[in-house]
Amino acid sequence: MTREAMANLILRAGVAVAFLYPAIAAIFAPNDWIGYFPGFTRGFVPDMVLLHGFGLVEVVIALWILS
């Protein structure tokens, strides 16, 4: 593996971790993370559905970055 390919992989992994961390942390402490959503977004669906749905989107983005 060349140095450029290794650097690319490390950078992509770092960005993917930045997307995975809040999604995983929201599972273990949802009340700590729900406050990051603006008030106008919290009335359409229950808070936990909104939080975990957004977490799912973050996981999909992280997997896309790693692919």
C-alpha atoms as a PDB file:
ATOM      1  CA  MET A   1       0.000   0.000   0.000  1.00  0.00           C
ATOM      2  CA  THR A   2       1.423   3.365  -0.965  1.00  0.00           C
ATOM      3  CA  ARG A   3       1.741   6.273   1.413  1.00  0.00           C
ATOM      4  CA  GLU A   4      -1.004   8.171  -0.398  1.00  0.00           C
ATOM      5  CA  ALA A   5      -3.401   5.255  -0.152  1.00  0.00           C
ATOM      6  CA  MET A   6      -2.591   4.815   3.544  1.00  0.00           C
ATOM      7  CA  ALA A   7      -3.121   8.526   4.209  1.00  0.00           C
ATOM      8  CA  ASN A   8      -6.413   8.413   2.333  1.00  0.00           C
ATOM      9  CA  LEU A   9      -7.589   5.444   4.374  1.00  0.00           C
ATOM     10  CA  ILE A  10      -6.621   7.047   7.693  1.00  0.00           C
ATOM     11  CA  LEU A  11      -8.343  10.318   6.823  1.00  0.00           C
ATOM     12  CA  ARG A  12     -11.505   8.547   5.687  1.00  0.00           C
ATOM     13  CA  ALA A  13     -11.547   6.447   8.859  1.00  0.00           C
ATOM     14  CA  GLY A  14     -11.190   9.573  10.989  1.00  0.00           C
ATOM     15  CA  VAL A  15     -14.104  11.300   9.273  1.00  0.00           C
ATOM     16  CA  ALA A  16     -16.211   8.141   9.539  1.00  0.00           C
ATOM     17  CA  VAL A  17     -15.546   7.957  13.294  1.00  0.00           C
ATOM     18  CA  ALA A  18     -16.751  11.559  13.592  1.00  0.00           C
ATOM     19  CA  PHE A  19     -20.085  10.443  12.124  1.00  0.00           C
ATOM     20  CA  LEU A  20     -20.289   7.179  14.082  1.00  0.00           C
ATOM     21  CA  TYR A  21     -19.550   8.613  17.526  1.00  0.00           C
ATOM     22  CA  PRO A  22     -22.754  10.669  17.953  1.00  0.00           C
ATOM     23  CA  ALA A  23     -24.895   7.912  16.478  1.00  0.00           C
ATOM     24  CA  ILE A  24     -23.547   5.340  18.932  1.00  0.00           C
ATOM     25  CA  ALA A  25     -23.502   7.725  21.893  1.00  0.00           C
ATOM     26  CA  ALA A  26     -27.155   8.597  21.248  1.00  0.00           C
ATOM     27  CA  ILE A  27     -28.076   4.962  21.850  1.00  0.00           C
ATOM     28  CA  PHE A  28     -26.498   4.931  25.321  1.00  0.00           C
ATOM     29  CA  ALA A  29     -27.446   8.471  26.449  1.00  0.00           C
ATOM     30  CA  PRO A  30     -30.305   9.769  24.292  1.00  0.00           C
ATOM     31  CA  ASN A  31     -31.312  12.557  26.666  1.00  0.00           C
ATOM     32  CA  ASP A  32     -27.853  14.085  26.345  1.00  0.00           C
ATOM     33  CA  TRP A  33     -28.149  14.300  22.551  1.00  0.00           C
ATOM     34  CA  ILE A  34     -31.774  15.275  21.899  1.00  0.00           C
ATOM     35  CA  GLY A  35     -31.059  18.878  22.901  1.00  0.00           C
ATOM     36  CA  TYR A  36     -28.963  19.419  19.783  1.00  0.00           C
ATOM     37  CA  PHE A  37     -32.076  19.395  17.609  1.00  0.00           C
ATOM     38  CA  PRO A  38     -33.822  22.747  17.119  1.00  0.00           C
ATOM     39  CA  GLY A  39     -37.213  23.088  18.752  1.00  0.00           C
ATOM     40  CA  PHE A  40     -39.126  23.278  15.465  1.00  0.00           C
ATOM     41  CA  THR A  41     -37.863  19.813  14.425  1.00  0.00           C
ATOM     42  CA  ARG A  42     -38.977  18.098  17.600  1.00  0.00           C
ATOM     43  CA  GLY A  43     -42.746  18.352  17.186  1.00  0.00           C
ATOM     44  CA  PHE A  44     -43.265  16.253  14.076  1.00  0.00           C
ATOM     45  CA  VAL A  45     -42.240  12.829  15.383  1.00  0.00           C
ATOM     46  CA  PRO A  46     -41.389  11.534  18.872  1.00  0.00           C
ATOM     47  CA  ASP A  47     -37.976  12.631  20.097  1.00  0.00           C
ATOM     48  CA  MET A  48     -36.437   9.164  20.159  1.00  0.00           C
ATOM     49  CA  VAL A  49     -37.591   8.411  16.612  1.00  0.00           C
ATOM     50  CA  LEU A  50     -36.021  11.668  15.432  1.00  0.00           C
ATOM     51  CA  LEU A  51     -32.781  11.005  17.288  1.00  0.00           C
ATOM     52  CA  HIS A  52     -32.350   7.408  16.188  1.00  0.00           C
ATOM     53  CA  GLY A  53     -33.474   8.159  12.635  1.00  0.00           C
ATOM     54  CA  PHE A  54     -30.817  10.841  12.366  1.00  0.00           C
ATOM     55  CA  GLY A  55     -28.326   8.412  13.902  1.00  0.00           C
ATOM     56  CA  LEU A  56     -29.170   5.918  11.171  1.00  0.00           C
ATOM     57  CA  VAL A  57     -28.472   8.577   8.550  1.00  0.00           C
ATOM     58  CA  GLU A  58     -25.105   9.256  10.195  1.00  0.00           C
ATOM     59  CA  VAL A  59     -24.199   5.561  10.128  1.00  0.00           C
ATOM     60  CA  VAL A  60     -25.101   5.358   6.438  1.00  0.00           C
ATOM     61  CA  ILE A  61     -22.900   8.395   5.714  1.00  0.00           C
ATOM     62  CA  ALA A  62     -20.013   6.859   7.685  1.00  0.00           C
ATOM     63  CA  LEU A  63     -20.281   3.586   5.758  1.00  0.00           C
ATOM     64  CA  TRP A  64     -20.412   5.509   2.495  1.00  0.00           C
ATOM     65  CA  ILE A  65     -17.248   7.385   3.420  1.00  0.00           C
ATOM     66  CA  LEU A  66     -15.479   4.119   4.232  1.00  0.00           C
ATOM     67  CA  SER A  67     -16.518   2.417   0.998  1.00  0.00           C
END
